[in-house]
Amino acid sequence: MARVVVDVPLAHLDRPFDYAVPDELAEQVVAGCRVRVRFAGKLVDGVVLELAGSTDHTGKLAPLAKVVSPEPVLTPEVAELARSVADRYAGSLT
């Protein structure tokens, strides 16, 4: 299971969403990599914040659609800094 922050401009959606990792993408998906996910009926960009073994979501998880790049582009330290700046200045993580 991948926790993904999706690149959408709506402030009320500024949180991570959980997605299933298909077997064919499992070796490529790492924390910090860029992905494409289906969100509100459209394919949008996102970044994997972390890989987790469980989720609080009670329904079926949508799968990741594509790994754009398996190379990590977002480190945990930069993600934490971006979250702090977004919270302080009423912005969004993306």
C-alpha atoms as a PDB file:
ATOM      1  CA  MET A   1       0.000   0.000   0.000  1.00  0.00           C
ATOM      2  CA  ALA A   2       1.340   3.428  -0.978  1.00  0.00           C
ATOM      3  CA  ARG A   3       0.435   6.666   0.737  1.00  0.00           C
ATOM      4  CA  VAL A   4       0.310   9.271  -2.032  1.00  0.00           C
ATOM      5  CA  VAL A   5      -0.042  13.044  -2.029  1.00  0.00           C
ATOM      6  CA  VAL A   6      -1.912  13.984  -5.200  1.00  0.00           C
ATOM      7  CA  ASP A   7      -1.230  17.149  -7.157  1.00  0.00           C
ATOM      8  CA  VAL A   8      -4.596  18.899  -6.953  1.00  0.00           C
ATOM      9  CA  PRO A   9      -5.080  22.602  -6.152  1.00  0.00           C
ATOM     10  CA  LEU A  10      -7.989  22.160  -3.742  1.00  0.00           C
ATOM     11  CA  ALA A  11      -6.992  22.933  -0.151  1.00  0.00           C
ATOM     12  CA  HIS A  12      -9.488  20.517   1.414  1.00  0.00           C
ATOM     13  CA  LEU A  13      -7.775  17.632  -0.431  1.00  0.00           C
ATOM     14  CA  ASP A  14      -4.318  18.466   0.951  1.00  0.00           C
ATOM     15  CA  ARG A  15      -3.666  15.144   2.619  1.00  0.00           C
ATOM     16  CA  PRO A  16      -2.247  11.764   1.621  1.00  0.00           C
ATOM     17  CA  PHE A  17      -4.453   9.112   0.043  1.00  0.00           C
ATOM     18  CA  ASP A  18      -3.856   5.367   0.147  1.00  0.00           C
ATOM     19  CA  TYR A  19      -3.474   3.362  -3.075  1.00  0.00           C
ATOM     20  CA  ALA A  20      -2.880  -0.322  -3.726  1.00  0.00           C
ATOM     21  CA  VAL A  21       0.423  -1.191  -5.384  1.00  0.00           C
ATOM     22  CA  PRO A  22      -0.108  -3.622  -8.294  1.00  0.00           C
ATOM     23  CA  ASP A  23       2.303  -6.547  -8.411  1.00  0.00           C
ATOM     24  CA  GLU A  24       3.772  -5.393 -11.742  1.00  0.00           C
ATOM     25  CA  LEU A  25       4.751  -2.030 -10.182  1.00  0.00           C
ATOM     26  CA  ALA A  26       5.878  -3.295  -6.775  1.00  0.00           C
ATOM     27  CA  GLU A  27       9.601  -3.284  -7.552  1.00  0.00           C
ATOM     28  CA  GLN A  28       9.505   0.275  -8.935  1.00  0.00           C
ATOM     29  CA  VAL A  29       7.496   1.961  -6.187  1.00  0.00           C
ATOM     30  CA  VAL A  30       9.617   3.576  -3.471  1.00  0.00           C
ATOM     31  CA  ALA A  31       9.000   6.419  -1.050  1.00  0.00           C
ATOM     32  CA  GLY A  32       9.537   9.704  -2.851  1.00  0.00           C
ATOM     33  CA  CYS A  33       8.894   8.446  -6.391  1.00  0.00           C
ATOM     34  CA  ARG A  34       6.523  10.115  -8.853  1.00  0.00           C
ATOM     35  CA  VAL A  35       3.353   8.244  -9.830  1.00  0.00           C
ATOM     36  CA  ARG A  36       0.086   8.703 -11.736  1.00  0.00           C
ATOM     37  CA  VAL A  37      -3.141   7.837  -9.942  1.00  0.00           C
ATOM     38  CA  ARG A  38      -6.824   7.978 -10.741  1.00  0.00           C
ATOM     39  CA  PHE A  39      -8.382  10.689  -8.602  1.00  0.00           C
ATOM     40  CA  ALA A  40     -11.933  11.992  -9.043  1.00  0.00           C
ATOM     41  CA  GLY A  41     -12.157  10.199 -12.378  1.00  0.00           C
ATOM     42  CA  LYS A  42      -8.967  11.698 -13.846  1.00  0.00           C
ATOM     43  CA  LEU A  43      -5.343  10.613 -13.995  1.00  0.00           C
ATOM     44  CA  VAL A  44      -3.283  13.024 -11.905  1.00  0.00           C
ATOM     45  CA  ASP A  45       0.314  13.247 -10.766  1.00  0.00           C
ATOM     46  CA  GLY A  46       1.332  12.319  -7.275  1.00  0.00           C
ATOM     47  CA  VAL A  47       4.287  11.468  -5.073  1.00  0.00           C
ATOM     48  CA  VAL A  48       4.550   8.445  -2.808  1.00  0.00           C
ATOM     49  CA  LEU A  49       5.147   9.709   0.728  1.00  0.00           C
ATOM     50  CA  GLU A  50       5.571   6.270   2.216  1.00  0.00           C
ATOM     51  CA  LEU A  51       4.881   2.589   1.783  1.00  0.00           C
ATOM     52  CA  ALA A  52       2.784   1.063   4.536  1.00  0.00           C
ATOM     53  CA  GLY A  53       1.462  -2.347   5.409  1.00  0.00           C
ATOM     54  CA  SER A  54      -2.013  -1.260   6.441  1.00  0.00           C
ATOM     55  CA  THR A  55      -4.608   1.438   5.892  1.00  0.00           C
ATOM     56  CA  ASP A  56      -7.521   2.966   7.789  1.00  0.00           C
ATOM     57  CA  HIS A  57      -9.575   3.016   4.585  1.00  0.00           C
ATOM     58  CA  THR A  58     -12.453   0.545   4.877  1.00  0.00           C
ATOM     59  CA  GLY A  59     -13.221   0.116   1.174  1.00  0.00           C
ATOM     60  CA  LYS A  60     -11.229  -1.264  -1.713  1.00  0.00           C
ATOM     61  CA  LEU A  61      -8.118   0.752  -2.572  1.00  0.00           C
ATOM     62  CA  ALA A  62      -7.670   2.020  -6.114  1.00  0.00           C
ATOM     63  CA  PRO A  63      -4.394   0.865  -7.679  1.00  0.00           C
ATOM     64  CA  LEU A  64      -1.535   3.090  -8.755  1.00  0.00           C
ATOM     65  CA  ALA A  65      -1.909   3.646 -12.501  1.00  0.00           C
ATOM     66  CA  LYS A  66       1.735   4.207 -13.414  1.00  0.00           C
ATOM     67  CA  VAL A  67       5.167   4.883 -12.000  1.00  0.00           C
ATOM     68  CA  VAL A  68       6.439   8.005 -13.761  1.00  0.00           C
ATOM     69  CA  SER A  69       9.940   7.550 -12.373  1.00  0.00           C
ATOM     70  CA  PRO A  70      11.226   5.011  -9.856  1.00  0.00           C
ATOM     71  CA  GLU A  71      13.893   7.504  -8.793  1.00  0.00           C
ATOM     72  CA  PRO A  72      12.985   9.180  -5.466  1.00  0.00           C
ATOM     73  CA  VAL A  73      12.515  12.932  -5.962  1.00  0.00           C
ATOM     74  CA  LEU A  74      11.084  13.809  -2.546  1.00  0.00           C
ATOM     75  CA  THR A  75      13.047  12.985   0.583  1.00  0.00           C
ATOM     76  CA  PRO A  76      11.297  12.668   3.956  1.00  0.00           C
ATOM     77  CA  GLU A  77      13.124  15.785   5.177  1.00  0.00           C
ATOM     78  CA  VAL A  78      11.958  17.911   2.241  1.00  0.00           C
ATOM     79  CA  ALA A  79       8.401  16.551   2.573  1.00  0.00           C
ATOM     80  CA  GLU A  80       8.399  17.505   6.263  1.00  0.00           C
ATOM     81  CA  LEU A  81       9.728  20.987   5.449  1.00  0.00           C
ATOM     82  CA  ALA A  82       7.153  21.487   2.666  1.00  0.00           C
ATOM     83  CA  ARG A  83       4.376  20.402   5.051  1.00  0.00           C
ATOM     84  CA  SER A  84       5.591  22.880   7.702  1.00  0.00           C
ATOM     85  CA  VAL A  85       5.736  25.756   5.216  1.00  0.00           C
ATOM     86  CA  ALA A  86       2.310  24.875   3.785  1.00  0.00           C
ATOM     87  CA  ASP A  87       0.774  24.748   7.255  1.00  0.00           C
ATOM     88  CA  ARG A  88       2.380  28.020   8.350  1.00  0.00           C
ATOM     89  CA  TYR A  89       1.351  29.992   5.266  1.00  0.00           C
ATOM     90  CA  ALA A  90      -2.029  28.320   4.602  1.00  0.00           C
ATOM     91  CA  GLY A  91      -0.784  26.629   1.434  1.00  0.00           C
ATOM     92  CA  SER A  92      -0.832  23.063   0.223  1.00  0.00           C
ATOM     93  CA  LEU A  93       1.934  20.475   0.238  1.00  0.00           C
ATOM     94  CA  THR A  94       1.941  20.190  -3.547  1.00  0.00           C
END
